[in-house]
Amino acid sequence: MMKRTNRLPGGKPQGAREVAMSVLHNVETQGAYSGLELNQALQSAGLERPDAALATELVYGTIQRLNTIDYALQSRVKGWPNKIEPWVRALLRMSYYQLRWLTRVPAHAAVDEAVRIAKKRGHAGIGGLVNGVLRGLQREGFEAPLPASLSPAERLALTHSHPLWLVERWIAEFGESAAAQICAANNEPPHVSARVNELQSTREQVLAEMKAAGIEAAPSPLTREGIVAVKAGNLVHTDWYKQGKFTVQDESSMLVAAVADPKPGMVALDCCAAPGGKSTHLAERMRNEGKVIANDVHPHKEALIRQQAERLGLTCVQTMASDALELAGKLERGSCDLVLLDAPCSGLGVIRRKPEIKWNKTAEDIKSLSELQGRLLEQAGTLVKPGGTLVYSTCTIGTEENENRVRAFLERHPDFCLDPQWPDETLAPLREAGSLPESFSGMLQLLPNQFGSDGFFIARMRKQSR
């Protein structure tokens, strides 16, 4: 049996595959976030763009397909996975992913490089293990046959590589077909989207400039400010971003401020505002007239929101650092025309961008989060003035954190009611795509398979006038 350690042996990672293996190792053993860990590793390694792209695909692809990979390897490697050293697990998982799904890389190159890394960071015995497993997979095939006795949920969990408990939950809530589509969509690469700052430019102008620069981009079908770019790299590094002409934001997230429909001169509160995308969107829609109070519990994130507002030329954004559960004691009750609660949630709508979420979250996490969301809604509601609007949103999928939270709040507060009078510019594309229920009540669950955007929930409520 190998001596197991959580330390990655062999010094600083070099090359795309070693960098990817190091990131996968740290995500598993240290609970690191894949995106942050990958960015740091790529900066440290200084890889050329093609190698950085390979490392990125290996990291996200391996995490996405984790239980499918482990199911295939458990019959090939004795003691898999728990008795295998973490870095060797990462190497074999990554190599399996590359051989099965990343076919543009020659198989012999992938195997040879994996064996070289195994010998460099371990010893000849580990190199022999890696070589034997990968050569055997090449000879005998990669897909492990699924037993006929599997339930529909078990089959989906292994086919699309999601935890069984989550697949069972989605089947119960949305049906087997929709659950399969959600899981499949979560394994697709996320697209790049941005929100044009209409105080600085127009969508047409930015699209024309991007086209002139050789970037393929198109208008978002969901929001008037949205653009979707293809093979554009990181838009944060562009002049358009630096000049405040747009904010990088998912299309579903853009819908929140659109649904809130703020007007110039209003007082709007964003209870959990970091990193500031929705707060600045509210301010842009208000034409920078009125006041947007952007609150977050972390002081360093308050500074981040302030930086975003300054970049976009927004002077009506006022930041504060406070626990959202204590806002009712720090702001005057009934003082806001609009309150937005983009609540802390399980994040199951952004699995495409953060694939480790599906392996890290549990049903118990969802229960505790839903309880927190209920308490936050109670506080947020006290700050809405009569006739004002309360918008509740999450970037997750499932009734416990979404519809059930809203219904429970409305039962306790009969002075609030759901408001289906969303702006027509928001409803029209949803209706056209068949994503709007016939009996639309004022709350909507967007799924990641519908528009290629994040899974999101949005509810709009109105406080009755006295």
Protein backbone atom coordinates (compact mmCIF):
# COMPACT_ATOMS: atom_id res chain seq x y z
CA MET A 1 0.00 0.00 0.00
CA MET A 2 1.23 3.49 -0.84
CA LYS A 3 2.07 5.90 1.90
CA ARG A 4 -0.61 8.59 1.63
CA THR A 5 0.00 12.29 2.13
CA ASN A 6 -1.87 15.47 1.32
CA ARG A 7 1.33 17.15 0.16
CA LEU A 8 2.07 17.16 -3.55
CA PRO A 9 5.58 15.70 -4.04
CA GLY A 10 8.14 16.69 -6.64
CA GLY A 11 8.40 20.48 -6.45
CA LYS A 12 6.76 23.18 -8.57
CA PRO A 13 4.47 21.83 -11.31
CA GLN A 14 5.73 22.29 -14.87
CA GLY A 15 3.72 21.86 -18.04
CA ALA A 16 -0.03 21.73 -18.59
CA ARG A 17 -0.64 18.25 -17.16
CA GLU A 18 1.40 18.77 -14.00
CA VAL A 19 -0.36 22.07 -13.37
CA ALA A 20 -3.74 20.41 -13.85
CA MET A 21 -2.81 17.54 -11.56
CA SER A 22 -1.64 19.98 -8.88
CA VAL A 23 -4.91 21.94 -9.05
CA LEU A 24 -7.01 18.76 -8.88
CA HIS A 25 -4.96 17.56 -5.91
CA ASN A 26 -5.48 20.83 -4.01
CA VAL A 27 -9.19 21.03 -4.82
CA GLU A 28 -9.69 17.57 -3.36
CA THR A 29 -7.35 17.65 -0.36
CA GLN A 30 -7.57 21.30 0.69
CA GLY A 31 -11.09 22.21 -0.39
CA ALA A 32 -9.69 24.84 -2.75
CA TYR A 33 -11.98 26.52 -5.28
CA SER A 34 -11.14 25.25 -8.75
CA GLY A 35 -11.29 28.66 -10.44
CA LEU A 36 -9.09 30.46 -7.91
CA GLU A 37 -6.65 27.59 -7.62
CA LEU A 38 -6.36 27.27 -11.39
CA ASN A 39 -5.79 31.00 -11.90
CA GLN A 40 -3.02 31.03 -9.30
CA ALA A 41 -1.39 27.91 -10.74
CA LEU A 42 -1.47 29.26 -14.31
CA GLN A 43 0.05 32.57 -13.24
CA SER A 44 2.79 30.78 -11.31
CA ALA A 45 3.60 28.36 -14.15
CA GLY A 46 3.60 31.00 -16.91
CA LEU A 47 2.22 28.59 -19.50
CA GLU A 48 1.69 29.55 -23.12
CA ARG A 49 -1.95 30.03 -24.10
CA PRO A 50 -2.46 26.55 -25.70
CA ASP A 51 -0.97 24.83 -22.64
CA ALA A 52 -3.03 27.00 -20.29
CA ALA A 53 -6.14 26.03 -22.26
CA LEU A 54 -5.25 22.33 -21.97
CA ALA A 55 -4.68 22.60 -18.22
CA THR A 56 -7.99 24.40 -17.83
CA GLU A 57 -9.91 21.77 -19.77
CA LEU A 58 -8.27 18.94 -17.86
CA VAL A 59 -9.17 20.49 -14.50
CA TYR A 60 -12.79 21.31 -15.21
CA GLY A 61 -13.43 18.19 -17.28
CA THR A 62 -12.01 15.87 -14.64
CA ILE A 63 -14.05 17.45 -11.85
CA GLN A 64 -17.19 17.40 -13.99
CA ARG A 65 -16.87 13.69 -14.76
CA LEU A 66 -15.56 12.59 -11.37
CA ASN A 67 -17.91 9.77 -10.39
CA THR A 68 -18.06 8.39 -13.93
CA ILE A 69 -14.26 8.23 -13.90
CA ASP A 70 -14.15 6.63 -10.46
CA TYR A 71 -16.76 4.06 -11.47
CA ALA A 72 -14.57 3.01 -14.41
CA LEU A 73 -11.32 2.96 -12.41
CA GLN A 74 -12.60 1.06 -9.38
CA SER A 75 -12.39 -2.23 -11.29
CA ARG A 76 -8.92 -1.38 -12.66
CA VAL A 77 -7.07 -0.17 -9.57
CA LYS A 78 -7.03 -2.15 -6.33
CA GLY A 79 -8.17 -0.04 -3.39
CA TRP A 80 -9.54 2.72 -5.61
CA PRO A 81 -9.95 5.47 -4.66
CA ASN A 82 -9.37 5.73 -0.91
CA LYS A 83 -6.20 3.62 -0.67
CA ILE A 84 -4.45 5.49 -3.46
CA GLU A 85 -2.34 8.53 -2.69
CA PRO A 86 -4.21 11.77 -3.55
CA TRP A 87 -1.78 13.01 -6.19
CA VAL A 88 -1.86 9.63 -7.95
CA ARG A 89 -5.66 9.72 -7.89
CA ALA A 90 -5.53 13.15 -9.51
CA LEU A 91 -3.09 11.93 -12.16
CA LEU A 92 -5.10 8.83 -13.08
CA ARG A 93 -8.43 10.66 -13.10
CA MET A 94 -7.04 13.42 -15.29
CA SER A 95 -5.43 10.93 -17.67
CA TYR A 96 -8.64 8.91 -17.94
CA TYR A 97 -10.58 12.07 -18.75
CA GLN A 98 -8.05 13.03 -21.40
CA LEU A 99 -8.05 9.60 -23.06
CA ARG A 100 -11.82 9.26 -23.12
CA TRP A 101 -13.10 12.77 -23.78
CA LEU A 102 -10.20 14.88 -25.05
CA THR A 103 -9.53 12.98 -28.24
CA ARG A 104 -7.62 15.74 -30.04
CA VAL A 105 -4.56 14.85 -27.95
CA PRO A 106 -2.84 11.65 -29.19
CA ALA A 107 -3.39 8.81 -26.73
CA HIS A 108 0.25 7.73 -26.68
CA ALA A 109 1.31 11.27 -25.75
CA ALA A 110 -1.15 11.40 -22.88
CA VAL A 111 0.00 8.01 -21.53
CA ASP A 112 3.71 8.77 -21.91
CA GLU A 113 3.34 12.11 -20.15
CA ALA A 114 1.34 10.55 -17.30
CA VAL A 115 4.02 7.89 -16.76
CA ARG A 116 6.76 10.54 -16.82
CA ILE A 117 4.94 12.59 -14.17
CA ALA A 118 4.37 9.47 -12.04
CA LYS A 119 8.07 8.59 -12.08
CA LYS A 120 9.17 12.17 -11.48
CA ARG A 121 6.90 12.71 -8.49
CA GLY A 122 6.91 9.19 -7.14
CA HIS A 123 8.99 6.19 -8.15
CA ALA A 124 9.20 3.49 -10.80
CA GLY A 125 6.50 1.44 -9.09
CA ILE A 126 3.95 4.22 -9.40
CA GLY A 127 5.03 4.76 -12.98
CA GLY A 128 4.35 1.07 -13.63
CA LEU A 129 0.92 1.28 -12.03
CA VAL A 130 -0.06 4.30 -14.11
CA ASN A 131 1.30 2.75 -17.29
CA GLY A 132 -0.50 -0.55 -16.69
CA VAL A 133 -3.86 1.07 -15.93
CA LEU A 134 -3.82 3.44 -18.90
CA ARG A 135 -2.53 0.86 -21.39
CA GLY A 136 -5.20 -1.54 -20.20
CA LEU A 137 -7.87 1.07 -20.77
CA GLN A 138 -6.57 1.66 -24.29
CA ARG A 139 -6.76 -2.06 -25.07
CA GLU A 140 -10.07 -2.88 -23.43
CA GLY A 141 -12.06 0.35 -23.80
CA PHE A 142 -12.98 3.12 -21.44
CA GLU A 143 -16.66 2.82 -20.74
CA ALA A 144 -17.56 0.53 -17.87
CA PRO A 145 -20.91 -1.14 -18.73
CA LEU A 146 -23.73 -0.03 -16.47
CA PRO A 147 -25.74 -2.86 -14.85
CA ALA A 148 -29.31 -3.26 -16.09
CA SER A 149 -30.48 -3.26 -12.47
CA LEU A 150 -29.67 0.44 -11.98
CA SER A 151 -32.52 2.80 -11.20
CA PRO A 152 -33.12 5.74 -13.59
CA ALA A 153 -31.48 8.05 -11.05
CA GLU A 154 -28.41 5.81 -10.67
CA ARG A 155 -28.05 5.58 -14.43
CA LEU A 156 -28.27 9.36 -14.85
CA ALA A 157 -25.82 9.91 -12.00
CA LEU A 158 -23.18 7.75 -13.69
CA THR A 159 -23.91 8.77 -17.27
CA HIS A 160 -23.73 12.50 -16.56
CA SER A 161 -21.54 12.31 -13.46
CA HIS A 162 -23.64 13.88 -10.71
CA PRO A 163 -24.18 12.78 -7.11
CA LEU A 164 -27.07 10.37 -6.75
CA TRP A 165 -28.89 12.35 -4.05
CA LEU A 166 -28.98 15.42 -6.29
CA VAL A 167 -30.22 13.52 -9.35
CA GLU A 168 -32.97 11.92 -7.26
CA ARG A 169 -34.01 15.34 -6.02
CA TRP A 170 -34.14 16.83 -9.52
CA ILE A 171 -36.12 13.87 -10.89
CA ALA A 172 -38.65 14.30 -8.08
CA GLU A 173 -39.00 18.04 -8.75
CA PHE A 174 -38.65 18.33 -12.54
CA GLY A 175 -39.09 14.82 -13.96
CA GLU A 176 -36.56 12.38 -15.40
CA SER A 177 -36.24 14.04 -18.81
CA ALA A 178 -35.62 17.53 -17.42
CA ALA A 179 -33.19 16.16 -14.82
CA ALA A 180 -31.19 14.49 -17.60
CA GLN A 181 -31.11 17.75 -19.56
CA ILE A 182 -29.96 19.70 -16.50
CA CYS A 183 -27.15 17.23 -15.83
CA ALA A 184 -26.03 17.22 -19.46
CA ALA A 185 -26.03 21.03 -19.59
CA ASN A 186 -23.89 21.18 -16.45
CA ASN A 187 -21.12 19.34 -18.31
CA GLU A 188 -21.03 21.81 -21.20
CA PRO A 189 -18.49 24.68 -21.27
CA PRO A 190 -19.98 27.94 -19.96
CA HIS A 191 -20.32 30.73 -22.46
CA VAL A 192 -18.92 34.21 -21.93
CA SER A 193 -21.37 37.05 -21.47
CA ALA A 194 -21.20 40.70 -20.47
CA ARG A 195 -23.59 43.52 -19.59
CA VAL A 196 -23.11 46.77 -21.50
CA ASN A 197 -23.12 49.91 -19.35
CA GLU A 198 -25.74 51.99 -21.16
CA LEU A 199 -24.48 55.14 -19.41
CA GLN A 200 -21.16 54.76 -21.23
CA SER A 201 -22.04 53.15 -24.56
CA THR A 202 -24.65 51.15 -26.44
CA ARG A 203 -24.82 47.44 -27.09
CA GLU A 204 -24.65 48.06 -30.84
CA GLN A 205 -21.53 50.20 -30.49
CA VAL A 206 -19.71 47.68 -28.28
CA LEU A 207 -20.64 44.81 -30.61
CA ALA A 208 -19.33 46.78 -33.59
CA GLU A 209 -16.07 47.48 -31.77
CA MET A 210 -15.68 43.83 -30.79
CA LYS A 211 -16.33 42.74 -34.37
CA ALA A 212 -13.68 45.17 -35.60
CA ALA A 213 -11.26 43.64 -33.10
CA GLY A 214 -11.95 40.15 -34.46
CA ILE A 215 -14.09 38.98 -31.53
CA GLU A 216 -17.23 37.05 -32.36
CA ALA A 217 -20.08 38.39 -30.24
CA ALA A 218 -23.85 38.66 -30.50
CA PRO A 219 -26.75 40.25 -28.61
CA SER A 220 -28.15 38.24 -25.72
CA PRO A 221 -31.70 37.05 -26.36
CA LEU A 222 -32.54 37.54 -22.67
CA THR A 223 -31.62 41.13 -21.77
CA ARG A 224 -31.30 44.39 -23.64
CA GLU A 225 -27.79 45.08 -22.27
CA GLY A 226 -26.41 41.56 -22.66
CA ILE A 227 -23.84 40.33 -25.16
CA VAL A 228 -22.56 36.78 -25.65
CA ALA A 229 -19.00 36.27 -26.90
CA VAL A 230 -17.35 33.23 -28.46
CA LYS A 231 -13.66 32.39 -27.97
CA ALA A 232 -13.11 35.84 -26.49
CA GLY A 233 -10.84 34.86 -23.61
CA ASN A 234 -11.20 36.71 -20.32
CA LEU A 235 -13.17 39.87 -21.05
CA VAL A 236 -11.93 41.42 -17.79
CA HIS A 237 -8.59 42.02 -19.51
CA THR A 238 -10.10 44.04 -22.38
CA ASP A 239 -10.17 47.82 -22.78
CA TRP A 240 -13.99 47.78 -22.87
CA TYR A 241 -14.01 46.40 -19.34
CA LYS A 242 -11.27 48.73 -18.08
CA GLN A 243 -13.05 51.75 -19.56
CA GLY A 244 -16.30 50.82 -17.80
CA LYS A 245 -18.19 49.96 -20.97
CA PHE A 246 -19.31 46.58 -19.67
CA THR A 247 -19.38 44.21 -16.71
CA VAL A 248 -18.76 40.49 -17.07
CA GLN A 249 -21.95 38.83 -15.84
CA ASP A 250 -24.04 35.78 -16.65
CA GLU A 251 -27.25 36.41 -18.61
CA SER A 252 -29.48 34.85 -15.94
CA SER A 253 -27.93 37.11 -13.33
CA MET A 254 -28.66 40.14 -15.53
CA LEU A 255 -32.36 39.28 -15.39
CA VAL A 256 -32.53 40.05 -11.66
CA ALA A 257 -32.14 43.82 -12.02
CA ALA A 258 -34.33 43.75 -15.12
CA VAL A 259 -37.11 42.08 -13.13
CA ALA A 260 -36.62 44.54 -10.25
CA ASP A 261 -37.22 47.34 -12.79
CA PRO A 262 -35.77 50.20 -10.72
CA LYS A 263 -36.57 53.79 -11.70
CA PRO A 264 -34.40 56.92 -11.50
CA GLY A 265 -34.63 58.60 -8.12
CA MET A 266 -35.50 55.44 -6.17
CA VAL A 267 -33.82 54.20 -3.01
CA ALA A 268 -32.74 50.62 -3.69
CA LEU A 269 -31.03 48.18 -1.33
CA ASP A 270 -28.96 45.16 -2.37
CA CYS A 271 -28.68 43.13 0.84
CA CYS A 272 -25.92 40.70 -0.18
CA ALA A 273 -24.22 42.68 -2.90
CA ALA A 274 -20.69 41.36 -3.52
CA PRO A 275 -19.09 41.39 -6.01
CA GLY A 276 -21.43 44.19 -7.08
CA GLY A 277 -22.83 43.04 -10.42
CA LYS A 278 -26.48 43.45 -9.49
CA SER A 279 -25.95 46.65 -7.48
CA THR A 280 -24.22 48.36 -10.38
CA HIS A 281 -26.87 47.04 -12.77
CA LEU A 282 -29.58 48.61 -10.60
CA ALA A 283 -27.64 51.89 -10.63
CA GLU A 284 -27.24 51.82 -14.41
CA ARG A 285 -30.96 51.19 -14.89
CA MET A 286 -31.65 54.10 -12.54
CA ARG A 287 -29.53 56.30 -14.81
CA ASN A 288 -27.25 56.95 -11.81
CA GLU A 289 -30.07 58.94 -10.18
CA GLY A 290 -31.25 58.12 -6.66
CA LYS A 291 -29.41 55.83 -4.27
CA VAL A 292 -28.34 52.19 -4.39
CA ILE A 293 -27.22 50.87 -1.00
CA ALA A 294 -24.88 47.95 -1.67
CA ASN A 295 -24.32 45.93 1.48
CA ASP A 296 -22.08 42.94 2.13
CA VAL A 297 -21.00 41.23 5.32
CA HIS A 298 -17.28 41.33 4.39
CA PRO A 299 -15.45 44.69 4.48
CA HIS A 300 -12.98 43.64 1.78
CA LYS A 301 -15.90 42.82 -0.51
CA GLU A 302 -17.43 46.21 0.24
CA ALA A 303 -14.24 47.70 -1.19
CA LEU A 304 -14.60 45.50 -4.27
CA ILE A 305 -18.13 46.80 -4.88
CA ARG A 306 -16.89 50.36 -4.54
CA GLN A 307 -14.17 49.68 -7.11
CA GLN A 308 -16.73 48.29 -9.56
CA ALA A 309 -18.94 51.35 -9.14
CA GLU A 310 -16.00 53.68 -9.73
CA ARG A 311 -14.92 51.74 -12.84
CA LEU A 312 -18.42 52.14 -14.27
CA GLY A 313 -18.67 55.83 -13.39
CA LEU A 314 -21.52 55.30 -10.93
CA THR A 315 -21.83 57.83 -8.11
CA CYS A 316 -25.21 56.77 -6.70
CA VAL A 317 -23.88 53.51 -5.21
CA GLN A 318 -23.38 53.76 -1.45
CA THR A 319 -21.58 50.77 0.10
CA MET A 320 -21.79 49.41 3.63
CA ALA A 321 -20.51 46.35 5.48
CA SER A 322 -23.03 44.60 7.69
CA ASP A 323 -24.53 41.22 8.34
CA ALA A 324 -27.72 41.21 6.27
CA LEU A 325 -29.52 39.73 9.28
CA GLU A 326 -28.88 43.00 11.11
CA LEU A 327 -29.89 45.45 8.37
CA ALA A 328 -33.30 46.12 9.91
CA GLY A 329 -31.51 47.61 12.92
CA LYS A 330 -29.20 49.78 10.84
CA LEU A 331 -31.52 51.16 8.18
CA GLU A 332 -34.86 52.81 8.69
CA ARG A 333 -37.75 50.39 8.39
CA GLY A 334 -39.89 50.91 5.32
CA SER A 335 -37.30 53.26 3.82
CA CYS A 336 -36.59 51.52 0.50
CA ASP A 337 -38.55 51.59 -2.74
CA LEU A 338 -36.81 48.39 -3.80
CA VAL A 339 -35.05 45.69 -1.79
CA LEU A 340 -33.08 42.94 -3.54
CA LEU A 341 -32.10 39.84 -1.61
CA ASP A 342 -29.77 37.75 -3.76
CA ALA A 343 -29.48 35.17 -1.02
CA PRO A 344 -26.57 32.89 -0.09
CA CYS A 345 -27.44 29.52 -1.61
CA SER A 346 -26.11 26.10 -2.59
CA GLY A 347 -25.03 27.42 -6.01
CA LEU A 348 -26.38 24.38 -7.87
CA GLY A 349 -27.22 26.59 -10.84
CA VAL A 350 -23.56 27.41 -11.52
CA ILE A 351 -22.15 23.87 -11.60
CA ARG A 352 -21.03 24.48 -15.18
CA ARG A 353 -18.66 27.21 -13.90
CA LYS A 354 -17.78 25.62 -10.54
CA PRO A 355 -18.07 21.85 -11.00
CA GLU A 356 -16.78 20.96 -7.54
CA ILE A 357 -20.02 22.38 -6.09
CA LYS A 358 -21.94 19.22 -6.97
CA TRP A 359 -19.47 17.08 -5.02
CA ASN A 360 -19.12 19.44 -2.04
CA LYS A 361 -22.77 20.22 -1.29
CA THR A 362 -25.11 17.94 0.64
CA ALA A 363 -28.82 17.77 1.36
CA GLU A 364 -27.98 18.97 4.89
CA ASP A 365 -26.30 22.07 3.42
CA ILE A 366 -29.47 22.89 1.51
CA LYS A 367 -31.58 22.56 4.63
CA SER A 368 -29.38 24.92 6.66
CA LEU A 369 -29.15 27.40 3.79
CA SER A 370 -32.93 27.45 3.35
CA GLU A 371 -33.32 28.29 7.03
CA LEU A 372 -30.84 31.17 6.66
CA GLN A 373 -32.67 32.38 3.55
CA GLY A 374 -35.92 32.47 5.48
CA ARG A 375 -34.36 34.63 8.21
CA LEU A 376 -32.83 36.97 5.62
CA LEU A 377 -36.17 37.39 3.86
CA GLU A 378 -37.77 38.37 7.16
CA GLN A 379 -35.22 41.15 7.62
CA ALA A 380 -35.35 42.30 3.99
CA GLY A 381 -39.13 42.59 4.07
CA THR A 382 -39.11 45.08 6.95
CA LEU A 383 -37.14 47.57 4.85
CA VAL A 384 -39.61 47.76 1.95
CA LYS A 385 -41.89 50.80 1.98
CA PRO A 386 -45.64 50.41 1.34
CA GLY A 387 -46.14 49.98 -2.40
CA GLY A 388 -42.48 48.98 -2.77
CA THR A 389 -40.87 45.92 -4.35
CA LEU A 390 -39.03 42.96 -2.83
CA VAL A 391 -37.01 40.76 -5.20
CA TYR A 392 -35.65 37.41 -4.02
CA SER A 393 -33.11 35.54 -6.16
CA THR A 394 -30.66 32.65 -5.95
CA CYS A 395 -28.25 30.97 -8.34
CA THR A 396 -29.54 27.52 -7.47
CA ILE A 397 -32.09 24.93 -8.60
CA GLY A 398 -34.75 23.41 -6.39
CA THR A 399 -37.90 24.30 -4.49
CA GLU A 400 -36.49 24.13 -0.96
CA GLU A 401 -34.31 27.22 -1.43
CA ASN A 402 -36.63 28.95 -3.88
CA GLU A 403 -40.41 28.56 -4.23
CA ASN A 404 -40.81 27.17 -0.71
CA ARG A 405 -38.89 30.09 0.80
CA VAL A 406 -41.08 32.61 -0.99
CA ARG A 407 -44.33 30.84 -0.14
CA ALA A 408 -43.38 30.56 3.53
CA PHE A 409 -42.56 34.27 3.62
CA LEU A 410 -45.87 35.20 1.98
CA GLU A 411 -47.83 33.06 4.43
CA ARG A 412 -46.30 34.96 7.33
CA HIS A 413 -46.68 38.35 5.66
CA PRO A 414 -50.09 38.86 4.03
CA ASP A 415 -49.15 42.48 3.30
CA PHE A 416 -46.87 41.10 0.56
CA CYS A 417 -48.01 39.37 -2.61
CA LEU A 418 -46.33 37.92 -5.70
CA ASP A 419 -46.08 40.43 -8.54
CA PRO A 420 -46.30 38.94 -12.05
CA GLN A 421 -46.14 42.37 -13.71
CA TRP A 422 -42.56 41.96 -14.85
CA PRO A 423 -41.36 44.30 -17.62
CA ASP A 424 -42.44 43.09 -21.04
CA GLU A 425 -38.84 43.26 -22.29
CA THR A 426 -38.08 40.53 -19.74
CA LEU A 427 -41.18 38.41 -20.24
CA ALA A 428 -41.20 38.45 -24.07
CA PRO A 429 -38.05 36.34 -24.70
CA LEU A 430 -38.99 33.93 -21.92
CA ARG A 431 -42.47 33.52 -23.37
CA GLU A 432 -41.12 33.10 -26.90
CA ALA A 433 -38.73 30.36 -25.75
CA GLY A 434 -41.51 28.52 -23.92
CA SER A 435 -39.80 29.10 -20.58
CA LEU A 436 -42.68 30.99 -18.98
CA PRO A 437 -45.41 28.98 -17.20
CA GLU A 438 -48.92 29.53 -18.54
CA SER A 439 -50.08 30.57 -15.06
CA PHE A 440 -47.13 32.85 -14.32
CA SER A 441 -47.37 34.06 -10.73
CA GLY A 442 -44.31 36.27 -10.44
CA MET A 443 -41.59 33.73 -9.70
CA LEU A 444 -39.49 31.77 -12.17
CA GLN A 445 -36.92 28.96 -12.09
CA LEU A 446 -34.47 29.17 -14.98
CA LEU A 447 -32.62 25.94 -15.76
CA PRO A 448 -29.12 25.75 -17.28
CA ASN A 449 -30.37 23.77 -20.28
CA GLN A 450 -32.83 26.47 -21.37
CA PHE A 451 -30.59 29.31 -22.55
CA GLY A 452 -27.08 28.04 -21.87
CA SER A 453 -26.94 30.47 -18.94
CA ASP A 454 -26.75 29.77 -15.21
CA GLY A 455 -29.60 28.17 -13.32
CA PHE A 456 -31.34 30.98 -11.46
CA PHE A 457 -34.48 31.65 -9.45
CA ILE A 458 -36.18 35.05 -9.34
CA ALA A 459 -39.32 36.12 -7.48
CA ARG A 460 -40.81 39.60 -7.39
CA MET A 461 -43.13 40.63 -4.57
CA ARG A 462 -45.08 43.81 -3.93
CA LYS A 463 -45.82 45.29 -0.52
CA GLN A 464 -49.37 46.53 -0.34
CA SER A 465 -49.95 50.25 0.04
CA ARG A 466 -51.56 51.35 3.28
